[in-house]
Protein backbone atom coordinates (compact mmCIF):
# COMPACT_ATOMS: atom_id res chain seq x y z
CA UNK A 1 0.00 0.00 0.00
CA UNK A 2 1.22 3.50 -0.83
CA UNK A 3 1.97 6.14 1.74
CA UNK A 4 -0.55 8.94 2.30
CA UNK A 5 1.64 11.51 0.52
CA UNK A 6 1.76 9.36 -2.62
CA UNK A 7 -2.01 8.87 -2.63
CA UNK A 8 -2.63 12.62 -2.26
CA UNK A 9 -0.09 13.50 -4.96
CA UNK A 10 -1.66 10.95 -7.34
CA UNK A 11 -5.04 12.66 -6.85
CA UNK A 12 -3.44 16.03 -7.59
CA UNK A 13 -1.92 14.72 -10.84
CA UNK A 14 -5.25 13.23 -11.87
CA UNK A 15 -7.07 16.52 -11.28
CA UNK A 16 -4.49 18.37 -13.40
CA UNK A 17 -4.88 15.78 -16.16
CA UNK A 18 -8.66 16.12 -16.09
CA UNK A 19 -8.40 19.91 -16.23
CA UNK A 20 -6.21 19.72 -19.35
CA UNK A 21 -8.72 17.37 -20.99
CA UNK A 22 -11.57 19.80 -20.26
CA UNK A 23 -9.68 22.75 -21.74
CA UNK A 24 -8.46 20.76 -24.77
CA UNK A 25 -11.71 18.86 -25.45
CA UNK A 26 -12.73 18.58 -29.09
CA UNK A 27 -16.48 18.99 -28.51
CA UNK A 28 -19.11 19.75 -25.88
CA UNK A 29 -19.90 16.10 -25.16
CA UNK A 30 -16.26 15.37 -24.36
CA UNK A 31 -16.04 18.51 -22.21
CA UNK A 32 -19.15 17.52 -20.25
CA UNK A 33 -17.80 14.04 -19.60
CA UNK A 34 -14.52 15.40 -18.27
CA UNK A 35 -16.38 18.07 -16.27
CA UNK A 36 -18.28 15.29 -14.49
CA UNK A 37 -15.05 13.38 -13.88
CA UNK A 38 -13.28 16.47 -12.52
CA UNK A 39 -16.18 17.28 -10.19
CA UNK A 40 -16.37 13.67 -8.99
CA UNK A 41 -12.63 13.56 -8.30
CA UNK A 42 -12.29 16.95 -6.62
CA UNK A 43 -15.38 16.76 -4.40
CA UNK A 44 -14.30 13.37 -3.01
CA UNK A 45 -10.68 14.49 -2.64
CA UNK A 46 -11.62 17.57 -0.60
CA UNK A 47 -13.75 15.56 1.82
CA UNK A 48 -10.99 12.94 2.16
CA UNK A 49 -8.49 15.63 3.07
CA UNK A 50 -10.82 17.25 5.59
CA UNK A 51 -11.72 14.00 7.33
CA UNK A 52 -8.36 12.19 7.17
CA UNK A 53 -5.39 14.33 6.13
CA UNK A 54 -6.00 17.57 8.04
CA UNK A 55 -6.69 15.85 11.39
CA UNK A 56 -3.53 13.77 10.92
CA UNK A 57 -1.47 16.89 10.29
CA UNK A 58 -2.98 18.66 13.30
CA UNK A 59 -2.24 15.64 15.49
CA UNK A 60 1.30 14.87 14.32
CA UNK A 61 2.88 18.10 13.08
CA UNK A 62 3.87 20.58 15.73
CA UNK A 63 4.74 24.15 14.81
CA UNK A 64 7.16 26.24 16.83
CA UNK A 65 4.86 28.11 19.25
CA UNK A 66 6.95 31.25 18.74
CA UNK A 67 6.33 31.21 14.99
CA UNK A 68 2.96 32.94 14.85
CA UNK A 69 3.17 33.49 11.10
CA UNK A 70 3.56 29.74 10.52
CA UNK A 71 0.64 29.02 12.84
CA UNK A 72 -1.53 31.50 10.94
CA UNK A 73 -0.47 29.88 7.66
CA UNK A 74 -1.49 26.46 8.98
CA UNK A 75 -4.86 27.82 10.14
CA UNK A 76 -5.45 29.42 6.73
CA UNK A 77 -4.30 26.30 4.89
CA UNK A 78 -6.96 24.20 6.61
CA UNK A 79 -9.73 26.47 5.38
CA UNK A 80 -8.99 27.00 1.67
CA UNK A 81 -11.47 24.34 0.72
CA UNK A 82 -14.46 26.60 1.28
CA UNK A 83 -13.54 28.87 -1.63
CA UNK A 84 -12.64 25.86 -3.79
CA UNK A 85 -15.97 24.19 -2.95
CA UNK A 86 -17.89 27.35 -3.78
CA UNK A 87 -16.18 27.61 -7.17
CA UNK A 88 -16.65 23.89 -7.79
CA UNK A 89 -20.36 24.20 -7.04
CA UNK A 90 -20.61 26.91 -9.71
CA UNK A 91 -18.53 24.94 -12.20
CA UNK A 92 -20.30 21.60 -11.72
CA UNK A 93 -23.64 23.16 -12.73
CA UNK A 94 -22.41 25.12 -15.76
CA UNK A 95 -23.16 23.93 -19.28
CA UNK A 96 -19.95 23.83 -21.28
CA UNK A 97 -21.43 26.32 -23.78
CA UNK A 98 -21.72 28.91 -21.00
CA UNK A 99 -19.10 31.66 -21.51
CA UNK A 100 -18.19 31.31 -17.81
CA UNK A 101 -17.25 27.63 -18.21
CA UNK A 102 -13.50 27.90 -18.97
CA UNK A 103 -12.90 31.04 -16.85
CA UNK A 104 -14.56 29.35 -13.86
CA UNK A 105 -12.46 26.21 -14.00
CA UNK A 106 -9.33 28.30 -14.65
CA UNK A 107 -9.91 30.28 -11.44
CA UNK A 108 -10.70 27.03 -9.64
CA UNK A 109 -7.43 25.46 -10.83
CA UNK A 110 -5.43 28.55 -9.87
CA UNK A 111 -6.77 28.33 -6.30
CA UNK A 112 -6.23 24.59 -6.25
CA UNK A 113 -2.66 24.90 -7.58
CA UNK A 114 -1.68 27.22 -4.70
CA UNK A 115 -3.21 24.79 -2.20
CA UNK A 116 -1.47 21.81 -3.84
CA UNK A 117 1.91 23.54 -3.84
CA UNK A 118 1.78 24.25 -0.10
CA UNK A 119 0.43 20.81 0.68
CA UNK A 120 3.06 18.93 -1.34
CA UNK A 121 6.09 21.04 -0.41
CA UNK A 122 5.28 21.63 3.26
CA UNK A 123 2.41 19.76 4.89
CA UNK A 124 2.90 16.30 3.38
CA UNK A 125 6.68 16.45 3.83
CA UNK A 126 6.34 17.36 7.50
CA UNK A 127 3.61 14.79 8.11
CA UNK A 128 5.60 11.96 6.52
CA UNK A 129 8.66 12.86 8.60
CA UNK A 130 6.57 12.79 11.79
CA UNK A 131 4.90 9.38 11.35
CA UNK A 132 5.99 5.82 10.65
CA UNK A 133 5.60 4.07 7.32
CA UNK A 134 2.85 1.90 8.83
CA UNK A 135 0.96 4.96 10.09
CA UNK A 136 1.27 6.57 6.66
CA UNK A 137 -0.10 3.47 4.95
CA UNK A 138 -2.96 3.31 7.45
CA UNK A 139 -3.84 6.94 6.66
CA UNK A 140 -3.69 6.14 2.94
CA UNK A 141 -6.19 3.30 3.40
CA UNK A 142 -8.51 5.56 5.43
CA UNK A 143 -8.28 8.31 2.84
CA UNK A 144 -9.12 5.91 0.00
CA UNK A 145 -12.06 4.38 1.90
CA UNK A 146 -13.39 7.81 2.89
CA UNK A 147 -13.47 8.96 -0.74
CA UNK A 148 -15.76 6.07 -1.70
CA UNK A 149 -18.38 7.19 0.84
CA UNK A 150 -17.95 10.92 0.22
CA UNK A 151 -20.30 13.20 -1.72
CA UNK A 152 -19.41 13.41 -5.40
CA UNK A 153 -20.57 17.00 -5.84
CA UNK A 154 -19.58 20.19 -4.02
CA UNK A 155 -21.79 21.15 -1.07
CA UNK A 156 -20.13 24.29 0.34
CA UNK A 157 -22.99 24.97 2.75
CA UNK A 158 -22.27 21.73 4.65
CA UNK A 159 -19.84 21.80 7.59
CA UNK A 160 -16.25 21.26 6.48
CA UNK A 161 -14.73 19.77 9.60
CA UNK A 162 -15.09 16.55 11.58
CA UNK A 163 -17.27 15.31 13.19
CA UNK A 164 -20.05 17.31 11.53
CA UNK A 165 -18.79 16.68 8.01
CA UNK A 166 -18.83 12.92 8.48
CA UNK A 167 -22.52 13.01 9.42
CA UNK A 168 -23.57 15.45 6.70
CA UNK A 169 -21.54 13.59 4.07
CA UNK A 170 -23.50 10.44 4.84
CA UNK A 171 -26.67 12.39 4.11
CA UNK A 172 -25.48 14.13 0.91
CA UNK A 173 -23.51 11.28 -0.65
CA UNK A 174 -26.33 8.82 -1.51
CA UNK A 175 -28.22 11.41 -3.58
CA UNK A 176 -25.02 12.40 -5.37
CA UNK A 177 -24.23 8.74 -6.10
CA UNK A 178 -27.73 8.16 -7.45
CA UNK A 179 -27.53 11.19 -9.75
CA UNK A 180 -24.11 10.01 -10.99
CA UNK A 181 -25.83 7.14 -12.79
CA UNK A 182 -27.53 9.66 -15.07
CA UNK A 183 -24.37 11.63 -15.89
CA UNK A 184 -22.07 11.06 -18.84
CA UNK A 185 -18.50 9.95 -18.10
CA UNK A 186 -15.27 9.70 -20.09
CA UNK A 187 -13.83 6.38 -21.21
CA UNK A 188 -12.69 4.60 -18.01
CA UNK A 189 -9.32 3.84 -19.61
CA UNK A 190 -8.46 7.56 -19.56
CA UNK A 191 -8.24 7.77 -15.77
CA UNK A 192 -6.55 5.65 -13.09
CA UNK A 193 -9.72 5.86 -10.96
CA UNK A 194 -12.60 6.33 -13.41
CA UNK A 195 -15.97 7.70 -12.46
CA UNK A 196 -18.88 5.58 -11.28
CA UNK A 197 -19.82 4.27 -14.73
CA UNK A 198 -17.03 1.68 -14.63
C-alpha atoms as a PDB file:
ATOM      1  CA  UNK A   1       0.000   0.000   0.000  1.00  0.00           C
ATOM      2  CA  UNK A   2       1.225   3.497  -0.833  1.00  0.00           C
ATOM      3  CA  UNK A   3       1.968   6.138   1.736  1.00  0.00           C
ATOM      4  CA  UNK A   4      -0.553   8.942   2.298  1.00  0.00           C
ATOM      5  CA  UNK A   5       1.644  11.509   0.520  1.00  0.00           C
ATOM      6  CA  UNK A   6       1.764   9.361  -2.623  1.00  0.00           C
ATOM      7  CA  UNK A   7      -2.008   8.874  -2.626  1.00  0.00           C
ATOM      8  CA  UNK A   8      -2.629  12.620  -2.255  1.00  0.00           C
ATOM      9  CA  UNK A   9      -0.091  13.498  -4.959  1.00  0.00           C
ATOM     10  CA  UNK A  10      -1.663  10.954  -7.341  1.00  0.00           C
ATOM     11  CA  UNK A  11      -5.037  12.659  -6.853  1.00  0.00           C
ATOM     12  CA  UNK A  12      -3.440  16.032  -7.588  1.00  0.00           C
ATOM     13  CA  UNK A  13      -1.924  14.724 -10.843  1.00  0.00           C
ATOM     14  CA  UNK A  14      -5.249  13.231 -11.874  1.00  0.00           C
ATOM     15  CA  UNK A  15      -7.071  16.520 -11.280  1.00  0.00           C
ATOM     16  CA  UNK A  16      -4.493  18.367 -13.396  1.00  0.00           C
ATOM     17  CA  UNK A  17      -4.881  15.778 -16.157  1.00  0.00           C
ATOM     18  CA  UNK A  18      -8.659  16.124 -16.093  1.00  0.00           C
ATOM     19  CA  UNK A  19      -8.396  19.913 -16.231  1.00  0.00           C
ATOM     20  CA  UNK A  20      -6.215  19.715 -19.351  1.00  0.00           C
ATOM     21  CA  UNK A  21      -8.725  17.372 -20.990  1.00  0.00           C
ATOM     22  CA  UNK A  22     -11.573  19.799 -20.263  1.00  0.00           C
ATOM     23  CA  UNK A  23      -9.681  22.747 -21.743  1.00  0.00           C
ATOM     24  CA  UNK A  24      -8.456  20.760 -24.774  1.00  0.00           C
ATOM     25  CA  UNK A  25     -11.713  18.858 -25.447  1.00  0.00           C
ATOM     26  CA  UNK A  26     -12.726  18.579 -29.090  1.00  0.00           C
ATOM     27  CA  UNK A  27     -16.476  18.988 -28.510  1.00  0.00           C
ATOM     28  CA  UNK A  28     -19.107  19.755 -25.881  1.00  0.00           C
ATOM     29  CA  UNK A  29     -19.903  16.103 -25.156  1.00  0.00           C
ATOM     30  CA  UNK A  30     -16.257  15.373 -24.356  1.00  0.00           C
ATOM     31  CA  UNK A  31     -16.045  18.511 -22.215  1.00  0.00           C
ATOM     32  CA  UNK A  32     -19.147  17.522 -20.250  1.00  0.00           C
ATOM     33  CA  UNK A  33     -17.801  14.037 -19.596  1.00  0.00           C
ATOM     34  CA  UNK A  34     -14.517  15.404 -18.269  1.00  0.00           C
ATOM     35  CA  UNK A  35     -16.383  18.071 -16.272  1.00  0.00           C
ATOM     36  CA  UNK A  36     -18.280  15.289 -14.489  1.00  0.00           C
ATOM     37  CA  UNK A  37     -15.051  13.383 -13.879  1.00  0.00           C
ATOM     38  CA  UNK A  38     -13.285  16.474 -12.524  1.00  0.00           C
ATOM     39  CA  UNK A  39     -16.176  17.281 -10.189  1.00  0.00           C
ATOM     40  CA  UNK A  40     -16.374  13.669  -8.988  1.00  0.00           C
ATOM     41  CA  UNK A  41     -12.629  13.563  -8.304  1.00  0.00           C
ATOM     42  CA  UNK A  42     -12.289  16.952  -6.624  1.00  0.00           C
ATOM     43  CA  UNK A  43     -15.385  16.757  -4.403  1.00  0.00           C
ATOM     44  CA  UNK A  44     -14.300  13.373  -3.011  1.00  0.00           C
ATOM     45  CA  UNK A  45     -10.683  14.485  -2.636  1.00  0.00           C
ATOM     46  CA  UNK A  46     -11.619  17.567  -0.598  1.00  0.00           C
ATOM     47  CA  UNK A  47     -13.748  15.556   1.817  1.00  0.00           C
ATOM     48  CA  UNK A  48     -10.992  12.943   2.164  1.00  0.00           C
ATOM     49  CA  UNK A  49      -8.488  15.627   3.072  1.00  0.00           C
ATOM     50  CA  UNK A  50     -10.820  17.249   5.590  1.00  0.00           C
ATOM     51  CA  UNK A  51     -11.716  13.997   7.333  1.00  0.00           C
ATOM     52  CA  UNK A  52      -8.361  12.193   7.173  1.00  0.00           C
ATOM     53  CA  UNK A  53      -5.390  14.329   6.129  1.00  0.00           C
ATOM     54  CA  UNK A  54      -5.999  17.567   8.035  1.00  0.00           C
ATOM     55  CA  UNK A  55      -6.694  15.852  11.394  1.00  0.00           C
ATOM     56  CA  UNK A  56      -3.527  13.766  10.924  1.00  0.00           C
ATOM     57  CA  UNK A  57      -1.466  16.893  10.287  1.00  0.00           C
ATOM     58  CA  UNK A  58      -2.982  18.658  13.299  1.00  0.00           C
ATOM     59  CA  UNK A  59      -2.236  15.641  15.495  1.00  0.00           C
ATOM     60  CA  UNK A  60       1.302  14.869  14.322  1.00  0.00           C
ATOM     61  CA  UNK A  61       2.880  18.097  13.076  1.00  0.00           C
ATOM     62  CA  UNK A  62       3.873  20.581  15.726  1.00  0.00           C
ATOM     63  CA  UNK A  63       4.741  24.153  14.805  1.00  0.00           C
ATOM     64  CA  UNK A  64       7.156  26.240  16.825  1.00  0.00           C
ATOM     65  CA  UNK A  65       4.861  28.108  19.247  1.00  0.00           C
ATOM     66  CA  UNK A  66       6.955  31.247  18.737  1.00  0.00           C
ATOM     67  CA  UNK A  67       6.329  31.208  14.991  1.00  0.00           C
ATOM     68  CA  UNK A  68       2.955  32.944  14.851  1.00  0.00           C
ATOM     69  CA  UNK A  69       3.173  33.493  11.102  1.00  0.00           C
ATOM     70  CA  UNK A  70       3.557  29.740  10.523  1.00  0.00           C
ATOM     71  CA  UNK A  71       0.642  29.017  12.838  1.00  0.00           C
ATOM     72  CA  UNK A  72      -1.530  31.498  10.940  1.00  0.00           C
ATOM     73  CA  UNK A  73      -0.468  29.876   7.659  1.00  0.00           C
ATOM     74  CA  UNK A  74      -1.488  26.460   8.982  1.00  0.00           C
ATOM     75  CA  UNK A  75      -4.862  27.825  10.139  1.00  0.00           C
ATOM     76  CA  UNK A  76      -5.449  29.423   6.728  1.00  0.00           C
ATOM     77  CA  UNK A  77      -4.296  26.303   4.887  1.00  0.00           C
ATOM     78  CA  UNK A  78      -6.958  24.203   6.612  1.00  0.00           C
ATOM     79  CA  UNK A  79      -9.735  26.468   5.380  1.00  0.00           C
ATOM     80  CA  UNK A  80      -8.988  27.001   1.673  1.00  0.00           C
ATOM     81  CA  UNK A  81     -11.467  24.339   0.723  1.00  0.00           C
ATOM     82  CA  UNK A  82     -14.455  26.604   1.284  1.00  0.00           C
ATOM     83  CA  UNK A  83     -13.543  28.871  -1.635  1.00  0.00           C
ATOM     84  CA  UNK A  84     -12.642  25.856  -3.793  1.00  0.00           C
ATOM     85  CA  UNK A  85     -15.967  24.188  -2.949  1.00  0.00           C
ATOM     86  CA  UNK A  86     -17.889  27.348  -3.783  1.00  0.00           C
ATOM     87  CA  UNK A  87     -16.179  27.610  -7.170  1.00  0.00           C
ATOM     88  CA  UNK A  88     -16.651  23.890  -7.795  1.00  0.00           C
ATOM     89  CA  UNK A  89     -20.356  24.204  -7.044  1.00  0.00           C
ATOM     90  CA  UNK A  90     -20.612  26.910  -9.706  1.00  0.00           C
ATOM     91  CA  UNK A  91     -18.534  24.939 -12.200  1.00  0.00           C
ATOM     92  CA  UNK A  92     -20.302  21.599 -11.721  1.00  0.00           C
ATOM     93  CA  UNK A  93     -23.641  23.161 -12.730  1.00  0.00           C
ATOM     94  CA  UNK A  94     -22.410  25.124 -15.762  1.00  0.00           C
ATOM     95  CA  UNK A  95     -23.161  23.934 -19.278  1.00  0.00           C
ATOM     96  CA  UNK A  96     -19.953  23.832 -21.276  1.00  0.00           C
ATOM     97  CA  UNK A  97     -21.428  26.318 -23.777  1.00  0.00           C
ATOM     98  CA  UNK A  98     -21.722  28.911 -21.000  1.00  0.00           C
ATOM     99  CA  UNK A  99     -19.100  31.660 -21.509  1.00  0.00           C
ATOM    100  CA  UNK A 100     -18.191  31.306 -17.810  1.00  0.00           C
ATOM    101  CA  UNK A 101     -17.252  27.634 -18.209  1.00  0.00           C
ATOM    102  CA  UNK A 102     -13.497  27.899 -18.973  1.00  0.00           C
ATOM    103  CA  UNK A 103     -12.905  31.042 -16.850  1.00  0.00           C
ATOM    104  CA  UNK A 104     -14.561  29.350 -13.857  1.00  0.00           C
ATOM    105  CA  UNK A 105     -12.457  26.209 -13.998  1.00  0.00           C
ATOM    106  CA  UNK A 106      -9.335  28.295 -14.651  1.00  0.00           C
ATOM    107  CA  UNK A 107      -9.907  30.281 -11.438  1.00  0.00           C
ATOM    108  CA  UNK A 108     -10.697  27.030  -9.641  1.00  0.00           C
ATOM    109  CA  UNK A 109      -7.432  25.455 -10.830  1.00  0.00           C
ATOM    110  CA  UNK A 110      -5.426  28.547  -9.874  1.00  0.00           C
ATOM    111  CA  UNK A 111      -6.765  28.326  -6.300  1.00  0.00           C
ATOM    112  CA  UNK A 112      -6.232  24.588  -6.247  1.00  0.00           C
ATOM    113  CA  UNK A 113      -2.658  24.901  -7.576  1.00  0.00           C
ATOM    114  CA  UNK A 114      -1.684  27.216  -4.705  1.00  0.00           C
ATOM    115  CA  UNK A 115      -3.206  24.791  -2.199  1.00  0.00           C
ATOM    116  CA  UNK A 116      -1.471  21.810  -3.840  1.00  0.00           C
ATOM    117  CA  UNK A 117       1.912  23.539  -3.840  1.00  0.00           C
ATOM    118  CA  UNK A 118       1.777  24.247  -0.099  1.00  0.00           C
ATOM    119  CA  UNK A 119       0.433  20.810   0.685  1.00  0.00           C
ATOM    120  CA  UNK A 120       3.057  18.932  -1.345  1.00  0.00           C
ATOM    121  CA  UNK A 121       6.089  21.040  -0.405  1.00  0.00           C
ATOM    122  CA  UNK A 122       5.280  21.633   3.260  1.00  0.00           C
ATOM    123  CA  UNK A 123       2.412  19.762   4.890  1.00  0.00           C
ATOM    124  CA  UNK A 124       2.903  16.295   3.379  1.00  0.00           C
ATOM    125  CA  UNK A 125       6.678  16.446   3.827  1.00  0.00           C
ATOM    126  CA  UNK A 126       6.337  17.362   7.497  1.00  0.00           C
ATOM    127  CA  UNK A 127       3.611  14.786   8.112  1.00  0.00           C
ATOM    128  CA  UNK A 128       5.603  11.964   6.523  1.00  0.00           C
ATOM    129  CA  UNK A 129       8.662  12.857   8.597  1.00  0.00           C
ATOM    130  CA  UNK A 130       6.573  12.786  11.787  1.00  0.00           C
ATOM    131  CA  UNK A 131       4.904   9.380  11.351  1.00  0.00           C
ATOM    132  CA  UNK A 132       5.989   5.816  10.647  1.00  0.00           C
ATOM    133  CA  UNK A 133       5.595   4.066   7.318  1.00  0.00           C
ATOM    134  CA  UNK A 134       2.850   1.905   8.835  1.00  0.00           C
ATOM    135  CA  UNK A 135       0.959   4.959  10.085  1.00  0.00           C
ATOM    136  CA  UNK A 136       1.273   6.574   6.658  1.00  0.00           C
ATOM    137  CA  UNK A 137      -0.103   3.470   4.953  1.00  0.00           C
ATOM    138  CA  UNK A 138      -2.963   3.312   7.447  1.00  0.00           C
ATOM    139  CA  UNK A 139      -3.838   6.943   6.656  1.00  0.00           C
ATOM    140  CA  UNK A 140      -3.690   6.142   2.942  1.00  0.00           C
ATOM    141  CA  UNK A 141      -6.188   3.304   3.397  1.00  0.00           C
ATOM    142  CA  UNK A 142      -8.512   5.555   5.434  1.00  0.00           C
ATOM    143  CA  UNK A 143      -8.276   8.310   2.839  1.00  0.00           C
ATOM    144  CA  UNK A 144      -9.123   5.911  -0.003  1.00  0.00           C
ATOM    145  CA  UNK A 145     -12.064   4.384   1.901  1.00  0.00           C
ATOM    146  CA  UNK A 146     -13.394   7.812   2.887  1.00  0.00           C
ATOM    147  CA  UNK A 147     -13.469   8.960  -0.735  1.00  0.00           C
ATOM    148  CA  UNK A 148     -15.764   6.074  -1.701  1.00  0.00           C
ATOM    149  CA  UNK A 149     -18.379   7.190   0.844  1.00  0.00           C
ATOM    150  CA  UNK A 150     -17.955  10.920   0.222  1.00  0.00           C
ATOM    151  CA  UNK A 151     -20.304  13.195  -1.716  1.00  0.00           C
ATOM    152  CA  UNK A 152     -19.406  13.412  -5.403  1.00  0.00           C
ATOM    153  CA  UNK A 153     -20.565  17.004  -5.836  1.00  0.00           C
ATOM    154  CA  UNK A 154     -19.584  20.186  -4.024  1.00  0.00           C
ATOM    155  CA  UNK A 155     -21.789  21.151  -1.075  1.00  0.00           C
ATOM    156  CA  UNK A 156     -20.133  24.285   0.337  1.00  0.00           C
ATOM    157  CA  UNK A 157     -22.991  24.968   2.746  1.00  0.00           C
ATOM    158  CA  UNK A 158     -22.274  21.731   4.648  1.00  0.00           C
ATOM    159  CA  UNK A 159     -19.837  21.797   7.591  1.00  0.00           C
ATOM    160  CA  UNK A 160     -16.254  21.262   6.478  1.00  0.00           C
ATOM    161  CA  UNK A 161     -14.728  19.767   9.597  1.00  0.00           C
ATOM    162  CA  UNK A 162     -15.092  16.547  11.580  1.00  0.00           C
ATOM    163  CA  UNK A 163     -17.266  15.308  13.192  1.00  0.00           C
ATOM    164  CA  UNK A 164     -20.045  17.315  11.525  1.00  0.00           C
ATOM    165  CA  UNK A 165     -18.786  16.678   8.011  1.00  0.00           C
ATOM    166  CA  UNK A 166     -18.834  12.919   8.479  1.00  0.00           C
ATOM    167  CA  UNK A 167     -22.523  13.015   9.418  1.00  0.00           C
ATOM    168  CA  UNK A 168     -23.568  15.448   6.695  1.00  0.00           C
ATOM    169  CA  UNK A 169     -21.538  13.594   4.068  1.00  0.00           C
ATOM    170  CA  UNK A 170     -23.499  10.440   4.842  1.00  0.00           C
ATOM    171  CA  UNK A 171     -26.669  12.388   4.107  1.00  0.00           C
ATOM    172  CA  UNK A 172     -25.483  14.133   0.914  1.00  0.00           C
ATOM    173  CA  UNK A 173     -23.508  11.277  -0.654  1.00  0.00           C
ATOM    174  CA  UNK A 174     -26.334   8.815  -1.511  1.00  0.00           C
ATOM    175  CA  UNK A 175     -28.224  11.405  -3.580  1.00  0.00           C
ATOM    176  CA  UNK A 176     -25.019  12.397  -5.369  1.00  0.00           C
ATOM    177  CA  UNK A 177     -24.234   8.744  -6.098  1.00  0.00           C
ATOM    178  CA  UNK A 178     -27.726   8.156  -7.448  1.00  0.00           C
ATOM    179  CA  UNK A 179     -27.532  11.185  -9.749  1.00  0.00           C
ATOM    180  CA  UNK A 180     -24.114  10.014 -10.985  1.00  0.00           C
ATOM    181  CA  UNK A 181     -25.827   7.135 -12.786  1.00  0.00           C
ATOM    182  CA  UNK A 182     -27.525   9.661 -15.070  1.00  0.00           C
ATOM    183  CA  UNK A 183     -24.372  11.633 -15.889  1.00  0.00           C
ATOM    184  CA  UNK A 184     -22.070  11.062 -18.844  1.00  0.00           C
ATOM    185  CA  UNK A 185     -18.505   9.945 -18.101  1.00  0.00           C
ATOM    186  CA  UNK A 186     -15.273   9.698 -20.088  1.00  0.00           C
ATOM    187  CA  UNK A 187     -13.828   6.383 -21.212  1.00  0.00           C
ATOM    188  CA  UNK A 188     -12.686   4.601 -18.007  1.00  0.00           C
ATOM    189  CA  UNK A 189      -9.318   3.842 -19.607  1.00  0.00           C
ATOM    190  CA  UNK A 190      -8.458   7.557 -19.557  1.00  0.00           C
ATOM    191  CA  UNK A 191      -8.237   7.770 -15.767  1.00  0.00           C
ATOM    192  CA  UNK A 192      -6.553   5.647 -13.088  1.00  0.00           C
ATOM    193  CA  UNK A 193      -9.722   5.862 -10.961  1.00  0.00           C
ATOM    194  CA  UNK A 194     -12.598   6.333 -13.411  1.00  0.00           C
ATOM    195  CA  UNK A 195     -15.974   7.701 -12.457  1.00  0.00           C
ATOM    196  CA  UNK A 196     -18.883   5.576 -11.277  1.00  0.00           C
ATOM    197  CA  UNK A 197     -19.816   4.275 -14.732  1.00  0.00           C
ATOM    198  CA  UNK A 198     -17.031   1.684 -14.629  1.00  0.00           C
END
